[in-house]
Amino acid sequence: MKISVVVPVYNSERHLRAALDSVIGQTHAEWECICVDDGSTDGSGKMLDEYAAREPRMRVIHQANGGEGAARNTGMDAATGELVAFLDSDDAWHPETLRLVAETRLRIGADVIRYGWRAVAEHNGTFAPLSPNVAGSEVALSSRRESTIRFCALGAATVVSREACGKIRFTPLTQGADLVFVLECLLRARKVAYIDAPLLDYLTHPGQISRKVSKGLLVGSCGYIPEIVARCVRLGESGAAWADTRRYACDLAFRRLFGAWRLLPDVSEREEARRAFWAMMGRLADQRGFFCKRRSRIVKAACRRESSLLLRVAVVWPYRLERRFAR
């Protein structure tokens, strides 16, 4: 079974070699690796060309900078495998990752395959041996108590069939585009499987966009939260999972985003992030079942007035108290 590996690359020279070596070191040999150089200004593009010259299964596409989602879309459009796997340029795979993915696809016929991962501060090139009985198992999303959002917490740890994803592509969201993409694929998937083993080293480092408080982070987060909530509604989650989805979204909205625009030094950026927050709250208030009817009316009134005080007193503080005593 041929698997297409899509690697978006932008100024990743420091960590790129570990990612590419982890693809070449796969025990499953039937793969193609499509590396999309998204306008890198460091030595990433040259390194990709050097790898492609030595490895015939590796292809490089150079394009102007358009963002990670655009780079992934370019790779997907060029893919020819039965499955499409995504690997970020600063992450690395266990050598058995693609073998287990292929076996899971053949045995279960899953259209979306998730696998476990571990966070690391630096790649050391070593993985613990896997148990011989590790295998993918089918997942019934409708009966899960855990929200689908948490199940898809790291969108990169996902493999999809080209047949199932069809024309689904990554949106231009600056935050959460991979999560939105996975949720959209789940809506079309006939079967979903999960491999319960740490097959990916997910690198955490200060240079990651998601670790910086910025206008892009705030506006992007305000954009993707209503998108994922709407898709979870369409997936028809169980009551427990839907409650978990609401907690996830409210934690982001009320504990990380509310008032965070005040930390931005630029006046115009503060204003843009503030408007994005109120637009997000309006969309959440319009989403049936997200708030109770009384709170939904209060949130809508706060949005019309853009009243931080009303939202804080009537919604944010009570929510924080509920979460505190729930522990």
C-alpha atoms as a PDB file:
ATOM      1  CA  MET A   1       0.000   0.000   0.000  1.00  0.00           C
ATOM      2  CA  LYS A   2       1.407   3.331  -1.068  1.00  0.00           C
ATOM      3  CA  ILE A   3       1.272   6.158   1.466  1.00  0.00           C
ATOM      4  CA  SER A   4       1.850   9.786   0.494  1.00  0.00           C
ATOM      5  CA  VAL A   5       3.681  11.777   3.175  1.00  0.00           C
ATOM      6  CA  VAL A   6       3.159  15.553   3.036  1.00  0.00           C
ATOM      7  CA  VAL A   7       5.766  17.703   4.799  1.00  0.00           C
ATOM      8  CA  PRO A   8       5.188  21.504   4.808  1.00  0.00           C
ATOM      9  CA  VAL A   9       8.483  23.327   5.325  1.00  0.00           C
ATOM     10  CA  TYR A  10       9.162  26.928   6.271  1.00  0.00           C
ATOM     11  CA  ASN A  11      12.517  27.965   7.764  1.00  0.00           C
ATOM     12  CA  SER A  12      12.928  24.623   9.540  1.00  0.00           C
ATOM     13  CA  GLU A  13      16.609  24.048   8.836  1.00  0.00           C
ATOM     14  CA  ARG A  14      17.452  23.265  12.467  1.00  0.00           C
ATOM     15  CA  HIS A  15      14.967  20.395  12.890  1.00  0.00           C
ATOM     16  CA  LEU A  16      14.240  19.353   9.308  1.00  0.00           C
ATOM     17  CA  ARG A  17      16.892  16.631   9.065  1.00  0.00           C
ATOM     18  CA  ALA A  18      15.338  14.654  11.946  1.00  0.00           C
ATOM     19  CA  ALA A  19      11.939  14.750  10.238  1.00  0.00           C
ATOM     20  CA  LEU A  20      13.243  13.612   6.848  1.00  0.00           C
ATOM     21  CA  ASP A  21      15.438  10.891   8.339  1.00  0.00           C
ATOM     22  CA  SER A  22      12.420   9.536  10.223  1.00  0.00           C
ATOM     23  CA  VAL A  23      10.555   9.153   6.910  1.00  0.00           C
ATOM     24  CA  ILE A  24      13.454   7.446   5.164  1.00  0.00           C
ATOM     25  CA  GLY A  25      13.865   5.124   8.165  1.00  0.00           C
ATOM     26  CA  GLN A  26      10.330   3.722   7.958  1.00  0.00           C
ATOM     27  CA  THR A  27      10.065  -0.086   7.901  1.00  0.00           C
ATOM     28  CA  HIS A  28       7.136   0.254   5.483  1.00  0.00           C
ATOM     29  CA  ALA A  29       8.909   0.928   2.189  1.00  0.00           C
ATOM     30  CA  GLU A  30       6.006   1.835  -0.107  1.00  0.00           C
ATOM     31  CA  TRP A  31       5.773   5.581   0.377  1.00  0.00           C
ATOM     32  CA  GLU A  32       6.331   8.875  -1.394  1.00  0.00           C
ATOM     33  CA  CYS A  33       7.329  12.019   0.465  1.00  0.00           C
ATOM     34  CA  ILE A  34       6.170  15.351  -0.934  1.00  0.00           C
ATOM     35  CA  CYS A  35       8.061  18.207   0.713  1.00  0.00           C
ATOM     36  CA  VAL A  36       6.619  21.648   0.057  1.00  0.00           C
ATOM     37  CA  ASP A  37       9.100  24.466   0.603  1.00  0.00           C
ATOM     38  CA  ASP A  38       6.797  27.353   1.473  1.00  0.00           C
ATOM     39  CA  GLY A  39       9.138  30.199   0.582  1.00  0.00           C
ATOM     40  CA  SER A  40      11.851  29.412   3.150  1.00  0.00           C
ATOM     41  CA  THR A  41      14.606  32.003   3.499  1.00  0.00           C
ATOM     42  CA  ASP A  42      17.077  29.790   5.373  1.00  0.00           C
ATOM     43  CA  GLY A  43      18.781  26.624   4.137  1.00  0.00           C
ATOM     44  CA  SER A  44      15.652  24.462   4.242  1.00  0.00           C
ATOM     45  CA  GLY A  45      15.058  24.509   0.473  1.00  0.00           C
ATOM     46  CA  LYS A  46      18.633  23.485  -0.303  1.00  0.00           C
ATOM     47  CA  MET A  47      18.482  20.669   2.256  1.00  0.00           C
ATOM     48  CA  LEU A  48      15.267  19.352   0.698  1.00  0.00           C
ATOM     49  CA  ASP A  49      16.847  19.328  -2.769  1.00  0.00           C
ATOM     50  CA  GLU A  50      19.849  17.411  -1.420  1.00  0.00           C
ATOM     51  CA  TYR A  51      17.614  14.745   0.141  1.00  0.00           C
ATOM     52  CA  ALA A  52      15.511  14.439  -3.031  1.00  0.00           C
ATOM     53  CA  ALA A  53      18.666  13.952  -5.119  1.00  0.00           C
ATOM     54  CA  ARG A  54      19.608  10.946  -2.961  1.00  0.00           C
ATOM     55  CA  GLU A  55      16.133   9.476  -2.349  1.00  0.00           C
ATOM     56  CA  PRO A  56      13.941   8.822  -5.439  1.00  0.00           C
ATOM     57  CA  ARG A  57      10.774   8.478  -3.332  1.00  0.00           C
ATOM     58  CA  MET A  58      11.135  12.085  -2.192  1.00  0.00           C
ATOM     59  CA  ARG A  59       9.855  15.069  -4.196  1.00  0.00           C
ATOM     60  CA  VAL A  60      10.265  18.773  -3.516  1.00  0.00           C
ATOM     61  CA  ILE A  61       7.899  21.562  -4.521  1.00  0.00           C
ATOM     62  CA  HIS A  62       9.097  25.140  -4.063  1.00  0.00           C
ATOM     63  CA  GLN A  63       6.427  27.838  -3.806  1.00  0.00           C
ATOM     64  CA  ALA A  64       5.963  31.383  -2.537  1.00  0.00           C
ATOM     65  CA  ASN A  65       5.052  31.676   1.118  1.00  0.00           C
ATOM     66  CA  GLY A  66       1.356  31.017   1.622  1.00  0.00           C
ATOM     67  CA  GLY A  67       1.194  29.493   5.090  1.00  0.00           C
ATOM     68  CA  GLU A  68       1.229  25.950   6.440  1.00  0.00           C
ATOM     69  CA  GLY A  69      -2.288  25.139   5.230  1.00  0.00           C
ATOM     70  CA  ALA A  70      -1.510  26.224   1.675  1.00  0.00           C
ATOM     71  CA  ALA A  71       1.668  24.114   1.701  1.00  0.00           C
ATOM     72  CA  ARG A  72      -0.256  21.060   2.890  1.00  0.00           C
ATOM     73  CA  ASN A  73      -2.879  21.625   0.196  1.00  0.00           C
ATOM     74  CA  THR A  74      -0.154  21.724  -2.468  1.00  0.00           C
ATOM     75  CA  GLY A  75       1.202  18.430  -1.163  1.00  0.00           C
ATOM     76  CA  MET A  76      -2.234  16.820  -1.107  1.00  0.00           C
ATOM     77  CA  ASP A  77      -2.896  17.884  -4.694  1.00  0.00           C
ATOM     78  CA  ALA A  78       0.345  16.175  -5.759  1.00  0.00           C
ATOM     79  CA  ALA A  79      -0.240  12.989  -3.738  1.00  0.00           C
ATOM     80  CA  THR A  80      -0.754   9.663  -5.539  1.00  0.00           C
ATOM     81  CA  GLY A  81      -0.941   7.239  -2.595  1.00  0.00           C
ATOM     82  CA  GLU A  82      -4.003   5.515  -1.186  1.00  0.00           C
ATOM     83  CA  LEU A  83      -3.426   7.266   2.135  1.00  0.00           C
ATOM     84  CA  VAL A  84      -2.122  10.743   2.940  1.00  0.00           C
ATOM     85  CA  ALA A  85      -0.040  11.213   6.090  1.00  0.00           C
ATOM     86  CA  PHE A  86       1.106  14.563   7.456  1.00  0.00           C
ATOM     87  CA  LEU A  87       4.424  15.214   9.168  1.00  0.00           C
ATOM     88  CA  ASP A  88       5.453  18.662  10.386  1.00  0.00           C
ATOM     89  CA  SER A  89       9.010  19.656   9.536  1.00  0.00           C
ATOM     90  CA  ASP A  90      10.062  19.821  13.196  1.00  0.00           C
ATOM     91  CA  ASP A  91       8.545  16.471  14.256  1.00  0.00           C
ATOM     92  CA  ALA A  92       9.740  12.885  13.792  1.00  0.00           C
ATOM     93  CA  TRP A  93       8.145   9.440  13.382  1.00  0.00           C
ATOM     94  CA  HIS A  94       8.759   6.106  15.050  1.00  0.00           C
ATOM     95  CA  PRO A  95      10.193   3.705  12.413  1.00  0.00           C
ATOM     96  CA  GLU A  96       7.053   1.523  12.653  1.00  0.00           C
ATOM     97  CA  THR A  97       4.524   4.324  12.099  1.00  0.00           C
ATOM     98  CA  LEU A  98       3.682   3.757   8.437  1.00  0.00           C
ATOM     99  CA  ARG A  99       3.732  -0.038   8.821  1.00  0.00           C
ATOM    100  CA  LEU A 100       1.116   0.113  11.577  1.00  0.00           C
ATOM    101  CA  VAL A 101      -0.936   2.638   9.599  1.00  0.00           C
ATOM    102  CA  ALA A 102      -0.931   0.402   6.499  1.00  0.00           C
ATOM    103  CA  GLU A 103      -1.858  -2.693   8.526  1.00  0.00           C
ATOM    104  CA  THR A 104      -4.703  -0.817  10.213  1.00  0.00           C
ATOM    105  CA  ARG A 105      -6.035   0.357   6.869  1.00  0.00           C
ATOM    106  CA  LEU A 106      -5.951  -3.160   5.399  1.00  0.00           C
ATOM    107  CA  ARG A 107      -7.507  -4.839   8.427  1.00  0.00           C
ATOM    108  CA  ILE A 108     -10.189  -2.290   9.368  1.00  0.00           C
ATOM    109  CA  GLY A 109     -10.664  -0.264   6.190  1.00  0.00           C
ATOM    110  CA  ALA A 110     -10.526   2.975   8.186  1.00  0.00           C
ATOM    111  CA  ASP A 111     -10.724   6.262   6.292  1.00  0.00           C
ATOM    112  CA  VAL A 112      -9.186   8.227   9.176  1.00  0.00           C
ATOM    113  CA  ILE A 113      -6.413   6.751  11.326  1.00  0.00           C
ATOM    114  CA  ARG A 114      -5.180   8.496  14.468  1.00  0.00           C
ATOM    115  CA  TYR A 115      -2.121   7.499  16.472  1.00  0.00           C
ATOM    116  CA  GLY A 116      -0.471   8.426  19.749  1.00  0.00           C
ATOM    117  CA  TRP A 117       2.312  10.954  20.218  1.00  0.00           C
ATOM    118  CA  ARG A 118       4.655  12.296  22.864  1.00  0.00           C
ATOM    119  CA  ALA A 119       5.912  15.822  23.450  1.00  0.00           C
ATOM    120  CA  VAL A 120       9.695  16.261  23.439  1.00  0.00           C
ATOM    121  CA  ALA A 121      11.977  19.247  23.983  1.00  0.00           C
ATOM    122  CA  GLU A 122      14.578  17.942  21.520  1.00  0.00           C
ATOM    123  CA  HIS A 123      14.904  15.012  19.106  1.00  0.00           C
ATOM    124  CA  ASN A 124      17.415  12.351  20.129  1.00  0.00           C
ATOM    125  CA  GLY A 125      16.689   9.922  17.293  1.00  0.00           C
ATOM    126  CA  THR A 126      15.635   7.071  19.565  1.00  0.00           C
ATOM    127  CA  PHE A 127      12.247   5.449  20.185  1.00  0.00           C
ATOM    128  CA  ALA A 128      11.389   2.693  22.622  1.00  0.00           C
ATOM    129  CA  PRO A 129      10.567  -0.664  20.987  1.00  0.00           C
ATOM    130  CA  LEU A 130       6.843  -1.204  20.525  1.00  0.00           C
ATOM    131  CA  SER A 131       4.960  -4.062  22.106  1.00  0.00           C
ATOM    132  CA  PRO A 132       4.436  -6.863  19.540  1.00  0.00           C
ATOM    133  CA  ASN A 133       0.668  -6.742  20.075  1.00  0.00           C
ATOM    134  CA  VAL A 134       0.286  -3.045  19.136  1.00  0.00           C
ATOM    135  CA  ALA A 135      -2.461  -2.699  16.533  1.00  0.00           C
ATOM    136  CA  GLY A 136      -5.057  -0.195  15.436  1.00  0.00           C
ATOM    137  CA  SER A 137      -8.616  -0.569  16.705  1.00  0.00           C
ATOM    138  CA  GLU A 138     -11.865   0.857  15.362  1.00  0.00           C
ATOM    139  CA  VAL A 139     -13.288   3.875  17.183  1.00  0.00           C
ATOM    140  CA  ALA A 140     -16.997   4.650  17.530  1.00  0.00           C
ATOM    141  CA  LEU A 141     -17.053   8.433  17.835  1.00  0.00           C
ATOM    142  CA  SER A 142     -20.743   8.561  18.733  1.00  0.00           C
ATOM    143  CA  SER A 143     -20.213   6.578  21.945  1.00  0.00           C
ATOM    144  CA  ARG A 144     -17.044   8.301  23.190  1.00  0.00           C
ATOM    145  CA  ARG A 145     -17.223  10.241  26.452  1.00  0.00           C
ATOM    146  CA  GLU A 146     -14.156  12.242  25.462  1.00  0.00           C
ATOM    147  CA  SER A 147     -14.848  15.043  22.997  1.00  0.00           C
ATOM    148  CA  THR A 148     -13.822  14.593  19.396  1.00  0.00           C
ATOM    149  CA  ILE A 149     -11.731  17.764  19.797  1.00  0.00           C
ATOM    150  CA  ARG A 150      -9.564  16.107  22.429  1.00  0.00           C
ATOM    151  CA  PHE A 151      -9.410  12.912  20.370  1.00  0.00           C
ATOM    152  CA  CYS A 152      -7.988  15.058  17.535  1.00  0.00           C
ATOM    153  CA  ALA A 153      -5.914  17.279  19.832  1.00  0.00           C
ATOM    154  CA  LEU A 154      -2.858  17.091  17.563  1.00  0.00           C
ATOM    155  CA  GLY A 155      -4.143  17.260  14.006  1.00  0.00           C
ATOM    156  CA  ALA A 156      -0.766  16.279  12.577  1.00  0.00           C
ATOM    157  CA  ALA A 157      -1.052  12.783  14.113  1.00  0.00           C
ATOM    158  CA  THR A 158      -3.631  11.812  11.512  1.00  0.00           C
ATOM    159  CA  VAL A 159      -3.661   9.797   8.303  1.00  0.00           C
ATOM    160  CA  VAL A 160      -6.591  10.068   5.883  1.00  0.00           C
ATOM    161  CA  SER A 161      -7.587   8.162   2.777  1.00  0.00           C
ATOM    162  CA  ARG A 162      -7.575  10.208  -0.420  1.00  0.00           C
ATOM    163  CA  GLU A 163     -10.976   8.747  -1.253  1.00  0.00           C
ATOM    164  CA  ALA A 164     -12.553   9.942   2.003  1.00  0.00           C
ATOM    165  CA  CYS A 165     -11.063  13.430   2.099  1.00  0.00           C
ATOM    166  CA  GLY A 166     -11.943  14.055  -1.553  1.00  0.00           C
ATOM    167  CA  LYS A 167     -11.764  17.796  -2.141  1.00  0.00           C
ATOM    168  CA  ILE A 168     -11.474  18.675   1.547  1.00  0.00           C
ATOM    169  CA  ARG A 169      -8.503  20.943   2.029  1.00  0.00           C
ATOM    170  CA  PHE A 170      -6.985  23.037   4.797  1.00  0.00           C
ATOM    171  CA  THR A 171      -8.654  26.389   5.432  1.00  0.00           C
ATOM    172  CA  PRO A 172      -6.642  29.638   5.632  1.00  0.00           C
ATOM    173  CA  LEU A 173      -7.169  29.820   9.411  1.00  0.00           C
ATOM    174  CA  THR A 174      -3.968  30.872  11.181  1.00  0.00           C
ATOM    175  CA  GLN A 175      -4.836  28.666  14.173  1.00  0.00           C
ATOM    176  CA  GLY A 176      -6.518  25.271  14.335  1.00  0.00           C
ATOM    177  CA  ALA A 177      -6.567  24.618  10.579  1.00  0.00           C
ATOM    178  CA  ASP A 178      -5.372  21.034  11.080  1.00  0.00           C
ATOM    179  CA  LEU A 179      -8.073  20.366  13.684  1.00  0.00           C
ATOM    180  CA  VAL A 180     -10.805  21.774  11.438  1.00  0.00           C
ATOM    181  CA  PHE A 181      -9.499  19.636   8.558  1.00  0.00           C
ATOM    182  CA  VAL A 182      -9.525  16.433  10.628  1.00  0.00           C
ATOM    183  CA  LEU A 183     -13.045  17.098  11.911  1.00  0.00           C
ATOM    184  CA  GLU A 184     -14.248  17.668   8.342  1.00  0.00           C
ATOM    185  CA  CYS A 185     -12.699  14.356   7.275  1.00  0.00           C
ATOM    186  CA  LEU A 186     -14.346  12.583  10.220  1.00  0.00           C
ATOM    187  CA  LEU A 187     -17.735  13.799   8.965  1.00  0.00           C
ATOM    188  CA  ARG A 188     -17.115  11.858   5.729  1.00  0.00           C
ATOM    189  CA  ALA A 189     -15.315   8.835   7.177  1.00  0.00           C
ATOM    190  CA  ARG A 190     -17.045   5.463   7.143  1.00  0.00           C
ATOM    191  CA  LYS A 191     -14.652   4.021   9.735  1.00  0.00           C
ATOM    192  CA  VAL A 192     -12.186   5.607  12.158  1.00  0.00           C
ATOM    193  CA  ALA A 193      -9.295   3.820  13.861  1.00  0.00           C
ATOM    194  CA  TYR A 194      -6.795   4.623  16.582  1.00  0.00           C
ATOM    195  CA  ILE A 195      -3.320   3.183  17.187  1.00  0.00           C
ATOM    196  CA  ASP A 196      -2.630   3.479  20.909  1.00  0.00           C
ATOM    197  CA  ALA A 197       1.152   3.887  20.776  1.00  0.00           C
ATOM    198  CA  PRO A 198       3.483   6.952  20.780  1.00  0.00           C
ATOM    199  CA  LEU A 199       4.402   6.969  17.092  1.00  0.00           C
ATOM    200  CA  LEU A 200       5.259  10.674  16.804  1.00  0.00           C
ATOM    201  CA  ASP A 201       7.750  12.891  18.594  1.00  0.00           C
ATOM    202  CA  TYR A 202       6.037  16.283  18.744  1.00  0.00           C
ATOM    203  CA  LEU A 203       8.670  18.954  19.284  1.00  0.00           C
ATOM    204  CA  THR A 204       7.821  21.822  21.616  1.00  0.00           C
ATOM    205  CA  HIS A 205      10.088  24.856  21.412  1.00  0.00           C
ATOM    206  CA  PRO A 206       9.897  28.636  21.970  1.00  0.00           C
ATOM    207  CA  GLY A 207       9.815  29.372  18.243  1.00  0.00           C
ATOM    208  CA  GLN A 208       6.390  27.833  17.730  1.00  0.00           C
ATOM    209  CA  ILE A 209       3.708  30.322  16.713  1.00  0.00           C
ATOM    210  CA  SER A 210       1.207  28.686  19.073  1.00  0.00           C
ATOM    211  CA  ARG A 211       3.410  29.561  22.077  1.00  0.00           C
ATOM    212  CA  LYS A 212       3.495  33.327  21.475  1.00  0.00           C
ATOM    213  CA  VAL A 213       0.816  35.810  22.523  1.00  0.00           C
ATOM    214  CA  SER A 214       0.224  37.767  19.348  1.00  0.00           C
ATOM    215  CA  LYS A 215      -2.544  39.249  17.250  1.00  0.00           C
ATOM    216  CA  GLY A 216      -2.322  36.239  14.946  1.00  0.00           C
ATOM    217  CA  LEU A 217      -2.779  33.818  17.845  1.00  0.00           C
ATOM    218  CA  LEU A 218      -5.741  35.692  19.319  1.00  0.00           C
ATOM    219  CA  VAL A 219      -7.546  36.374  16.036  1.00  0.00           C
ATOM    220  CA  GLY A 220      -6.807  32.879  14.770  1.00  0.00           C
ATOM    221  CA  SER A 221      -8.115  31.252  17.953  1.00  0.00           C
ATOM    222  CA  CYS A 222     -11.284  33.340  17.820  1.00  0.00           C
ATOM    223  CA  GLY A 223     -11.779  32.159  14.245  1.00  0.00           C
ATOM    224  CA  TYR A 224     -11.335  28.432  14.726  1.00  0.00           C
ATOM    225  CA  ILE A 225     -13.252  27.853  17.983  1.00  0.00           C
ATOM    226  CA  PRO A 226     -16.731  28.352  16.424  1.00  0.00           C
ATOM    227  CA  GLU A 227     -15.628  26.259  13.419  1.00  0.00           C
ATOM    228  CA  ILE A 228     -14.724  23.222  15.512  1.00  0.00           C
ATOM    229  CA  VAL A 229     -17.821  23.561  17.696  1.00  0.00           C
ATOM    230  CA  ALA A 230     -20.058  23.595  14.610  1.00  0.00           C
ATOM    231  CA  ARG A 231     -18.392  20.449  13.247  1.00  0.00           C
ATOM    232  CA  CYS A 232     -18.738  18.638  16.560  1.00  0.00           C
ATOM    233  CA  VAL A 233     -22.457  19.423  16.471  1.00  0.00           C
ATOM    234  CA  ARG A 234     -22.669  17.891  12.993  1.00  0.00           C
ATOM    235  CA  LEU A 235     -20.770  14.803  14.187  1.00  0.00           C
ATOM    236  CA  GLY A 236     -23.513  14.164  16.737  1.00  0.00           C
ATOM    237  CA  GLU A 237     -21.357  13.623  19.817  1.00  0.00           C
ATOM    238  CA  SER A 238     -22.717  11.859  22.882  1.00  0.00           C
ATOM    239  CA  GLY A 239     -23.936  13.985  25.790  1.00  0.00           C
ATOM    240  CA  ALA A 240     -20.728  13.509  27.769  1.00  0.00           C
ATOM    241  CA  ALA A 241     -18.537  14.313  24.766  1.00  0.00           C
ATOM    242  CA  TRP A 242     -20.613  17.410  23.913  1.00  0.00           C
ATOM    243  CA  ALA A 243     -20.197  18.657  27.492  1.00  0.00           C
ATOM    244  CA  ASP A 244     -16.441  18.143  27.125  1.00  0.00           C
ATOM    245  CA  THR A 245     -16.464  20.082  23.820  1.00  0.00           C
ATOM    246  CA  ARG A 246     -18.226  22.990  25.531  1.00  0.00           C
ATOM    247  CA  ARG A 247     -15.698  22.952  28.391  1.00  0.00           C
ATOM    248  CA  TYR A 248     -12.816  22.944  25.915  1.00  0.00           C
ATOM    249  CA  ALA A 249     -14.206  25.924  23.970  1.00  0.00           C
ATOM    250  CA  CYS A 250     -15.206  27.872  27.095  1.00  0.00           C
ATOM    251  CA  ASP A 251     -11.806  27.315  28.699  1.00  0.00           C
ATOM    252  CA  LEU A 252     -10.171  28.860  25.638  1.00  0.00           C
ATOM    253  CA  ALA A 253     -12.698  31.690  25.368  1.00  0.00           C
ATOM    254  CA  PHE A 254     -12.974  32.675  29.032  1.00  0.00           C
ATOM    255  CA  ARG A 255      -9.620  31.696  30.516  1.00  0.00           C
ATOM    256  CA  ARG A 256      -7.192  32.440  27.663  1.00  0.00           C
ATOM    257  CA  LEU A 257      -8.803  34.843  25.179  1.00  0.00           C
ATOM    258  CA  PHE A 258     -11.090  37.094  27.204  1.00  0.00           C
ATOM    259  CA  GLY A 259      -9.248  40.386  27.717  1.00  0.00           C
ATOM    260  CA  ALA A 260      -6.002  39.021  26.260  1.00  0.00           C
ATOM    261  CA  TRP A 261      -6.084  41.665  23.517  1.00  0.00           C
ATOM    262  CA  ARG A 262      -5.050  44.212  26.169  1.00  0.00           C
ATOM    263  CA  LEU A 263      -1.589  42.592  26.197  1.00  0.00           C
ATOM    264  CA  LEU A 264      -0.924  43.653  22.608  1.00  0.00           C
ATOM    265  CA  PRO A 265       1.201  46.822  22.415  1.00  0.00           C
ATOM    266  CA  ASP A 266      -0.195  48.057  19.091  1.00  0.00           C
ATOM    267  CA  VAL A 267      -3.548  49.898  19.283  1.00  0.00           C
ATOM    268  CA  SER A 268      -4.803  48.691  15.890  1.00  0.00           C
ATOM    269  CA  GLU A 269      -3.902  45.080  16.717  1.00  0.00           C
ATOM    270  CA  ARG A 270      -5.700  45.336  20.063  1.00  0.00           C
ATOM    271  CA  GLU A 271      -8.800  46.604  18.289  1.00  0.00           C
ATOM    272  CA  GLU A 272      -8.715  43.813  15.681  1.00  0.00           C
ATOM    273  CA  ALA A 273      -8.320  41.116  18.350  1.00  0.00           C
ATOM    274  CA  ARG A 274     -11.109  42.661  20.436  1.00  0.00           C
ATOM    275  CA  ARG A 275     -13.513  42.664  17.463  1.00  0.00           C
ATOM    276  CA  ALA A 276     -12.572  39.057  16.682  1.00  0.00           C
ATOM    277  CA  PHE A 277     -13.412  38.047  20.248  1.00  0.00           C
ATOM    278  CA  TRP A 278     -16.879  39.580  20.114  1.00  0.00           C
ATOM    279  CA  ALA A 279     -17.539  38.034  16.700  1.00  0.00           C
ATOM    280  CA  MET A 280     -16.579  34.642  18.147  1.00  0.00           C
ATOM    281  CA  MET A 281     -18.880  35.053  21.140  1.00  0.00           C
ATOM    282  CA  GLY A 282     -21.745  36.009  18.827  1.00  0.00           C
ATOM    283  CA  ARG A 283     -21.245  32.840  16.777  1.00  0.00           C
ATOM    284  CA  LEU A 284     -21.109  30.676  19.909  1.00  0.00           C
ATOM    285  CA  ALA A 285     -24.301  32.297  21.249  1.00  0.00           C
ATOM    286  CA  ASP A 286     -26.035  31.499  17.945  1.00  0.00           C
ATOM    287  CA  GLN A 287     -24.930  27.850  18.105  1.00  0.00           C
ATOM    288  CA  ARG A 288     -27.891  25.879  19.392  1.00  0.00           C
ATOM    289  CA  GLY A 289     -27.161  24.075  22.637  1.00  0.00           C
ATOM    290  CA  PHE A 290     -23.829  25.710  23.382  1.00  0.00           C
ATOM    291  CA  PHE A 291     -25.192  28.025  26.088  1.00  0.00           C
ATOM    292  CA  CYS A 292     -28.417  27.596  28.013  1.00  0.00           C
ATOM    293  CA  LYS A 293     -31.168  29.922  26.739  1.00  0.00           C
ATOM    294  CA  ARG A 294     -30.699  32.444  29.547  1.00  0.00           C
ATOM    295  CA  ARG A 295     -26.936  32.697  29.107  1.00  0.00           C
ATOM    296  CA  SER A 296     -27.304  32.823  25.353  1.00  0.00           C
ATOM    297  CA  ARG A 297     -29.512  35.927  25.681  1.00  0.00           C
ATOM    298  CA  ILE A 298     -27.000  37.547  28.034  1.00  0.00           C
ATOM    299  CA  VAL A 299     -24.081  36.786  25.716  1.00  0.00           C
ATOM    300  CA  LYS A 300     -25.955  38.213  22.737  1.00  0.00           C
ATOM    301  CA  ALA A 301     -26.749  41.373  24.711  1.00  0.00           C
ATOM    302  CA  ALA A 302     -23.093  41.686  25.738  1.00  0.00           C
ATOM    303  CA  CYS A 303     -22.033  41.262  22.102  1.00  0.00           C
ATOM    304  CA  ARG A 304     -24.423  43.971  20.898  1.00  0.00           C
ATOM    305  CA  ARG A 305     -23.021  46.406  23.468  1.00  0.00           C
ATOM    306  CA  GLU A 306     -19.499  44.939  23.370  1.00  0.00           C
ATOM    307  CA  SER A 307     -19.774  45.059  27.143  1.00  0.00           C
ATOM    308  CA  SER A 308     -16.885  43.275  28.817  1.00  0.00           C
ATOM    309  CA  LEU A 309     -18.421  44.063  32.218  1.00  0.00           C
ATOM    310  CA  LEU A 310     -21.744  42.361  31.405  1.00  0.00           C
ATOM    311  CA  LEU A 311     -20.023  39.297  29.999  1.00  0.00           C
ATOM    312  CA  ARG A 312     -17.600  39.126  32.919  1.00  0.00           C
ATOM    313  CA  VAL A 313     -20.242  39.389  35.665  1.00  0.00           C
ATOM    314  CA  ALA A 314     -22.978  37.267  34.110  1.00  0.00           C
ATOM    315  CA  VAL A 315     -20.983  34.575  32.263  1.00  0.00           C
ATOM    316  CA  VAL A 316     -17.197  34.552  32.722  1.00  0.00           C
ATOM    317  CA  TRP A 317     -17.005  34.713  36.528  1.00  0.00           C
ATOM    318  CA  PRO A 318     -19.795  32.154  37.082  1.00  0.00           C
ATOM    319  CA  TYR A 319     -18.123  29.814  34.596  1.00  0.00           C
ATOM    320  CA  ARG A 320     -14.743  30.103  36.292  1.00  0.00           C
ATOM    321  CA  LEU A 321     -16.343  29.391  39.660  1.00  0.00           C
ATOM    322  CA  GLU A 322     -18.148  26.362  38.276  1.00  0.00           C
ATOM    323  CA  ARG A 323     -14.906  24.993  36.841  1.00  0.00           C
ATOM    324  CA  ARG A 324     -13.033  25.674  40.089  1.00  0.00           C
ATOM    325  CA  PHE A 325     -15.509  23.827  42.289  1.00  0.00           C
ATOM    326  CA  ALA A 326     -15.946  21.055  39.717  1.00  0.00           C
ATOM    327  CA  ARG A 327     -12.365  20.017  40.450  1.00  0.00           C
END
